[in-house]
N, C-alpha and C. Protein backbone atom coordinates (compact mmCIF):
# COMPACT_ATOMS: atom_id res chain seq x y z
N MET A 1 16.91 41.09 -0.93
CA MET A 1 18.49 40.42 0.01
C MET A 1 19.50 40.38 -0.88
N ASN A 2 20.26 41.39 -0.30
CA ASN A 2 21.49 41.98 -1.09
C ASN A 2 23.02 40.59 -0.50
N GLU A 3 23.17 40.06 0.37
CA GLU A 3 23.60 38.93 0.41
C GLU A 3 23.25 37.72 0.38
N GLN A 4 24.75 37.07 -0.63
CA GLN A 4 24.89 35.42 -0.84
C GLN A 4 24.21 34.46 -0.11
N ILE A 5 23.38 33.44 -0.31
CA ILE A 5 23.21 32.18 0.26
C ILE A 5 23.93 31.40 -0.40
N ARG A 6 25.02 31.20 0.61
CA ARG A 6 25.75 29.90 0.57
C ARG A 6 25.08 28.26 0.77
N VAL A 7 25.32 27.71 -0.33
CA VAL A 7 24.76 26.34 0.02
C VAL A 7 25.75 25.43 -0.27
N LEU A 8 25.26 24.46 0.44
CA LEU A 8 26.25 22.89 0.03
C LEU A 8 25.10 22.07 -0.62
N ILE A 9 25.43 21.85 -1.04
CA ILE A 9 24.27 20.55 -2.20
C ILE A 9 25.10 18.74 -1.80
N ALA A 10 23.68 18.14 -1.02
CA ALA A 10 24.77 16.55 -0.27
C ALA A 10 23.61 15.75 -0.91
N GLU A 11 23.88 15.20 -2.43
CA GLU A 11 23.27 14.42 -2.48
C GLU A 11 23.61 12.99 -3.38
N ASN A 12 22.59 12.33 -3.63
CA ASN A 12 23.39 11.35 -4.75
C ASN A 12 22.79 10.87 -6.06
N GLY A 13 22.22 12.19 -6.96
CA GLY A 13 22.20 12.41 -7.98
C GLY A 13 21.19 11.39 -8.52
N ASN A 14 20.41 11.40 -7.80
CA ASN A 14 19.46 10.46 -8.64
C ASN A 14 17.68 10.85 -7.98
N HIS A 15 17.34 12.01 -7.02
CA HIS A 15 16.85 12.78 -6.60
C HIS A 15 15.12 12.95 -7.74
N SER A 16 16.00 13.74 -8.59
CA SER A 16 14.70 14.41 -9.68
C SER A 16 15.82 13.92 -11.48
N PRO A 17 15.01 14.25 -12.26
CA PRO A 17 15.56 14.51 -13.08
C PRO A 17 16.39 15.51 -13.64
N GLN A 18 15.87 17.04 -12.68
CA GLN A 18 16.50 18.09 -12.96
C GLN A 18 17.05 18.12 -11.67
N SER A 19 18.55 18.63 -11.79
CA SER A 19 19.55 18.28 -10.53
C SER A 19 19.21 19.46 -9.91
N LEU A 20 19.86 19.92 -8.21
CA LEU A 20 19.63 20.59 -7.83
C LEU A 20 21.10 21.59 -8.62
N PRO A 21 21.75 21.39 -8.20
CA PRO A 21 22.65 23.02 -8.94
C PRO A 21 21.92 23.38 -9.96
N THR A 22 21.26 22.92 -11.07
CA THR A 22 20.58 23.21 -11.71
C THR A 22 19.21 24.13 -11.42
N MET A 23 18.85 23.68 -10.51
CA MET A 23 17.49 24.71 -9.91
C MET A 23 17.99 25.83 -9.19
N LEU A 24 19.08 25.71 -8.65
CA LEU A 24 19.23 26.57 -7.89
C LEU A 24 19.78 27.66 -8.41
N ALA A 25 20.70 27.28 -9.90
CA ALA A 25 20.98 28.29 -10.59
C ALA A 25 19.84 29.23 -10.97
N ALA A 26 18.67 29.25 -11.04
CA ALA A 26 17.58 30.52 -11.42
C ALA A 26 18.18 31.29 -10.50
N TRP A 27 18.28 31.34 -9.24
CA TRP A 27 18.39 32.18 -8.28
C TRP A 27 19.45 33.03 -7.99
N PRO A 28 19.59 34.10 -8.65
CA PRO A 28 20.99 34.79 -8.19
C PRO A 28 21.78 34.97 -6.93
N VAL A 29 20.74 35.24 -5.78
CA VAL A 29 20.93 35.13 -4.36
C VAL A 29 21.66 34.23 -3.83
N VAL A 30 21.67 32.87 -4.98
CA VAL A 30 22.42 31.81 -4.06
C VAL A 30 23.73 31.68 -4.61
N SER A 31 24.80 30.64 -3.63
CA SER A 31 26.07 30.87 -4.22
C SER A 31 26.47 29.29 -4.05
N ILE A 32 26.40 28.30 -4.50
CA ILE A 32 26.69 26.84 -4.11
C ILE A 32 28.30 26.76 -4.26
N VAL A 33 28.64 26.59 -2.82
CA VAL A 33 30.13 26.94 -2.10
C VAL A 33 30.19 25.23 -2.46
N GLY A 34 30.00 24.05 -2.60
CA GLY A 34 30.30 22.57 -2.69
C GLY A 34 29.59 21.95 -2.85
N GLU A 35 29.55 20.42 -3.75
CA GLU A 35 28.38 19.16 -3.65
C GLU A 35 29.29 18.04 -3.29
N ALA A 36 28.66 17.35 -2.99
CA ALA A 36 29.51 16.58 -1.61
C ALA A 36 28.09 15.17 -2.07
N GLY A 37 28.85 13.83 -2.19
CA GLY A 37 28.05 12.50 -2.51
C GLY A 37 27.83 11.71 -1.61
N ASP A 38 29.06 11.93 -0.45
CA ASP A 38 28.37 10.92 0.75
C ASP A 38 27.89 11.59 1.52
N GLY A 39 28.07 11.13 3.11
CA GLY A 39 28.01 11.88 4.62
C GLY A 39 29.02 12.08 4.83
N GLU A 40 30.47 11.69 4.77
CA GLU A 40 31.50 11.97 5.61
C GLU A 40 32.04 13.21 4.25
N ASP A 41 31.99 13.51 3.19
CA ASP A 41 32.54 14.30 2.45
C ASP A 41 31.43 15.72 2.58
N THR A 42 30.33 15.47 2.91
CA THR A 42 29.29 16.82 3.55
C THR A 42 29.81 16.90 5.21
N LEU A 43 30.57 16.23 5.39
CA LEU A 43 30.91 17.19 6.96
C LEU A 43 32.22 17.71 6.89
N ARG A 44 32.65 17.44 5.51
CA ARG A 44 34.13 18.05 5.81
C ARG A 44 34.00 19.28 5.36
N LEU A 45 33.12 19.44 3.71
CA LEU A 45 32.45 20.90 3.01
C LEU A 45 32.13 21.62 4.11
N VAL A 46 30.81 20.95 5.05
CA VAL A 46 30.21 22.42 5.80
C VAL A 46 31.91 22.76 6.92
N GLU A 47 32.44 21.72 7.31
CA GLU A 47 33.66 22.49 8.11
C GLU A 47 34.17 23.52 7.29
N GLN A 48 34.68 23.23 6.06
CA GLN A 48 35.72 23.84 5.34
C GLN A 48 35.05 24.99 4.96
N GLN A 49 33.63 24.99 4.73
CA GLN A 49 32.80 26.33 4.01
C GLN A 49 32.12 26.70 4.28
N GLN A 50 31.83 26.47 5.25
CA GLN A 50 30.58 27.56 6.41
C GLN A 50 29.58 27.58 5.79
N PRO A 51 28.50 26.75 5.09
CA PRO A 51 27.60 27.31 4.37
C PRO A 51 26.59 27.83 5.07
N HIS A 52 25.91 28.30 4.76
CA HIS A 52 24.47 29.00 5.50
C HIS A 52 23.17 27.84 5.28
N VAL A 53 23.58 27.24 4.69
CA VAL A 53 22.27 26.28 3.96
C VAL A 53 23.24 24.83 3.72
N VAL A 54 22.25 23.68 3.78
CA VAL A 54 22.89 22.16 3.33
C VAL A 54 22.24 21.73 3.27
N VAL A 55 21.45 21.90 1.98
CA VAL A 55 20.47 20.81 1.34
C VAL A 55 21.07 19.38 1.29
N ILE A 56 20.38 18.19 1.83
CA ILE A 56 20.82 17.06 1.52
C ILE A 56 19.75 16.07 1.55
N SER A 57 20.00 14.92 0.89
CA SER A 57 19.33 13.83 0.61
C SER A 57 19.86 12.95 1.84
N ALA A 58 17.99 12.53 2.05
CA ALA A 58 18.06 11.63 3.30
C ALA A 58 19.05 9.81 2.24
N GLU A 59 19.11 9.82 1.82
CA GLU A 59 19.52 8.66 0.63
C GLU A 59 21.08 8.89 0.62
N LEU A 60 21.96 8.96 0.92
CA LEU A 60 23.40 10.06 1.24
C LEU A 60 24.40 7.92 1.30
N PRO A 61 25.21 7.65 0.98
CA PRO A 61 25.90 6.76 1.23
C PRO A 61 26.73 6.99 2.29
N VAL A 62 27.85 6.23 2.97
CA VAL A 62 28.34 6.48 4.14
C VAL A 62 27.98 6.50 5.04
N LEU A 63 27.46 7.66 5.34
CA LEU A 63 26.60 8.52 6.67
C LEU A 63 25.34 8.74 5.84
N ASP A 64 24.49 8.32 6.09
CA ASP A 64 23.01 8.81 5.61
C ASP A 64 22.57 10.08 6.03
N GLY A 65 21.32 11.20 5.04
CA GLY A 65 20.86 12.15 5.81
C GLY A 65 20.76 12.23 7.16
N ILE A 66 19.82 11.78 7.71
CA ILE A 66 19.28 11.66 8.98
C ILE A 66 20.73 11.70 9.48
N GLN A 67 21.58 10.36 9.65
CA GLN A 67 23.56 11.37 10.57
C GLN A 67 23.65 11.97 10.48
N THR A 68 23.88 12.64 8.67
CA THR A 68 24.59 13.59 8.56
C THR A 68 24.39 15.27 9.07
N THR A 69 22.89 14.68 9.40
CA THR A 69 21.93 16.11 9.85
C THR A 69 22.29 16.21 11.22
N GLN A 70 22.13 15.10 11.89
CA GLN A 70 22.38 14.96 13.09
C GLN A 70 23.79 15.95 14.09
N ILE A 71 25.00 15.54 12.35
CA ILE A 71 25.94 15.74 13.20
C ILE A 71 26.13 17.09 12.93
N ILE A 72 25.49 18.03 11.40
CA ILE A 72 25.59 18.94 11.68
C ILE A 72 25.13 20.16 12.62
N LYS A 73 23.84 19.47 12.72
CA LYS A 73 22.91 20.19 14.22
C LYS A 73 24.00 20.63 15.01
N ALA A 74 24.48 19.36 15.39
CA ALA A 74 25.05 18.85 16.83
C ALA A 74 26.59 20.62 16.45
N LEU A 75 26.88 19.97 15.67
CA LEU A 75 28.66 20.64 15.61
C LEU A 75 28.59 22.22 14.89
N TRP A 76 27.28 22.72 14.08
CA TRP A 76 27.50 23.63 13.46
C TRP A 76 25.52 24.23 13.89
N PRO A 77 24.84 24.25 14.49
CA PRO A 77 23.26 24.65 14.68
C PRO A 77 22.86 25.81 13.82
N SER A 78 23.63 26.87 14.19
CA SER A 78 23.38 27.96 12.58
C SER A 78 23.20 27.74 11.24
N THR A 79 23.66 26.68 10.95
CA THR A 79 23.30 25.76 10.43
C THR A 79 21.87 25.81 9.45
N ARG A 80 21.56 25.51 8.54
CA ARG A 80 20.45 25.41 8.09
C ARG A 80 20.36 24.23 7.01
N VAL A 81 19.71 23.37 7.82
CA VAL A 81 19.50 21.60 6.74
C VAL A 81 18.47 21.46 6.67
N ILE A 82 17.91 21.67 5.05
CA ILE A 82 16.91 20.86 4.10
C ILE A 82 17.19 19.84 3.47
N LEU A 83 16.47 18.80 3.93
CA LEU A 83 17.02 17.31 4.35
C LEU A 83 15.23 16.98 3.02
N PHE A 84 15.83 16.26 2.23
CA PHE A 84 14.84 15.83 1.28
C PHE A 84 14.73 14.08 1.17
N ALA A 85 14.14 13.26 0.42
CA ALA A 85 14.01 11.77 0.48
C ALA A 85 12.67 12.42 -0.45
N ARG A 86 12.63 10.64 -1.22
CA ARG A 86 11.81 9.77 -2.20
C ARG A 86 10.45 10.04 -1.40
N GLN A 87 10.51 9.45 0.04
CA GLN A 87 9.53 8.82 1.00
C GLN A 87 9.00 9.90 2.00
N PRO A 88 7.75 10.17 1.31
CA PRO A 88 7.33 11.98 2.96
C PRO A 88 7.55 10.67 4.05
N GLY A 89 7.49 9.55 4.22
CA GLY A 89 8.23 8.83 5.76
C GLY A 89 8.91 9.67 6.56
N TYR A 90 9.95 9.99 5.36
CA TYR A 90 11.35 10.38 6.15
C TYR A 90 11.10 12.00 7.44
N ARG A 91 9.34 12.50 6.79
CA ARG A 91 9.82 13.67 7.67
C ARG A 91 9.81 13.36 9.03
N SER A 92 9.24 12.55 9.76
CA SER A 92 9.62 12.47 11.71
C SER A 92 11.18 12.20 11.38
N LEU A 93 11.99 11.53 10.49
CA LEU A 93 12.87 11.47 10.89
C LEU A 93 13.56 12.71 10.16
N ALA A 94 13.31 13.24 9.94
CA ALA A 94 14.20 14.19 9.24
C ALA A 94 13.87 15.36 10.86
N ARG A 95 12.25 15.29 11.11
CA ARG A 95 12.18 16.55 12.14
C ARG A 95 13.78 16.42 13.81
N GLU A 96 13.06 15.04 13.79
CA GLU A 96 14.20 14.10 15.67
C GLU A 96 15.31 14.43 15.05
N ALA A 97 16.28 14.50 13.57
CA ALA A 97 17.49 15.09 13.50
C ALA A 97 18.23 16.06 13.79
N GLY A 98 16.79 17.27 13.58
CA GLY A 98 17.28 18.74 13.78
C GLY A 98 16.70 19.65 12.01
N ALA A 99 16.70 18.60 11.59
CA ALA A 99 16.37 18.96 10.44
C ALA A 99 15.45 20.49 10.50
N ASP A 100 16.12 21.63 9.70
CA ASP A 100 14.69 22.86 9.27
C ASP A 100 13.76 22.49 8.30
N ALA A 101 13.70 21.97 7.68
CA ALA A 101 12.52 21.63 6.45
C ALA A 101 12.63 20.13 6.07
N PHE A 102 12.24 19.81 5.47
CA PHE A 102 11.92 18.42 4.93
C PHE A 102 11.44 18.68 3.10
N LEU A 103 11.72 17.72 2.33
CA LEU A 103 11.00 18.07 1.05
C LEU A 103 11.00 16.62 0.02
N SER A 104 9.81 16.62 -0.25
CA SER A 104 9.84 14.87 -0.85
C SER A 104 9.89 15.24 -2.10
N GLU A 105 10.04 13.83 -3.09
CA GLU A 105 9.94 13.83 -4.16
C GLU A 105 9.20 14.82 -4.78
N GLY A 106 9.20 15.10 -6.28
CA GLY A 106 8.87 15.90 -6.59
C GLY A 106 8.94 17.66 -6.26
N PHE A 107 9.36 18.06 -5.44
CA PHE A 107 9.89 19.28 -5.66
C PHE A 107 10.64 19.99 -6.47
N CYS A 108 10.37 21.42 -6.52
CA CYS A 108 11.01 22.15 -7.54
C CYS A 108 12.26 23.25 -6.76
N GLY A 109 13.03 24.20 -7.27
CA GLY A 109 13.49 24.80 -7.05
C GLY A 109 12.94 25.96 -6.18
N ASP A 110 11.75 26.49 -6.60
CA ASP A 110 10.83 27.33 -5.73
C ASP A 110 10.32 26.74 -4.10
N ASP A 111 10.12 25.88 -3.95
CA ASP A 111 10.44 24.64 -2.66
C ASP A 111 12.09 24.85 -1.89
N VAL A 112 12.78 24.82 -2.99
CA VAL A 112 13.82 24.70 -1.76
C VAL A 112 14.35 26.17 -1.39
N MET A 113 13.88 27.16 -2.57
CA MET A 113 14.28 28.38 -2.17
C MET A 113 13.32 28.79 -0.50
N ARG A 114 11.85 28.63 -0.46
CA ARG A 114 11.18 28.74 0.33
C ARG A 114 11.80 28.35 1.20
N ALA A 115 12.13 26.67 1.40
CA ALA A 115 12.26 26.51 2.81
C ALA A 115 13.55 27.00 3.25
N MET A 116 14.54 27.98 2.33
CA MET A 116 15.83 28.20 2.14
C MET A 116 16.26 29.60 3.73
N ILE A 117 14.40 29.81 3.10
CA ILE A 117 14.13 31.36 3.92
C ILE A 117 13.21 31.81 4.97
N GLN A 118 13.19 30.41 5.27
CA GLN A 118 11.74 30.33 6.30
C GLN A 118 12.04 30.66 7.46
């Protein structure tokens, strides 16, 4: 794969001991185009940066990850959304919101990368 995968990260900072930017930095094909701490910032950055992939926490403030995913998929359907949460019970909500993949607590960079290219 020669093209960079443009990734936007939307998290509240407490999903795992290792941060997503650190996880994804190990992959030379990944270019992090922005980081957001809430749903409104996420939507603004998706519009501005046009990422290929949004990796988003279900537990975002302002607009949660489920609501934000629904809006992203409605406005930018080709943007791949990977939603993650501490509780696996979010899996069905993620699917209903239109998320392309779901990751639960304990995921690693390899899991994120697999979800990006599936």
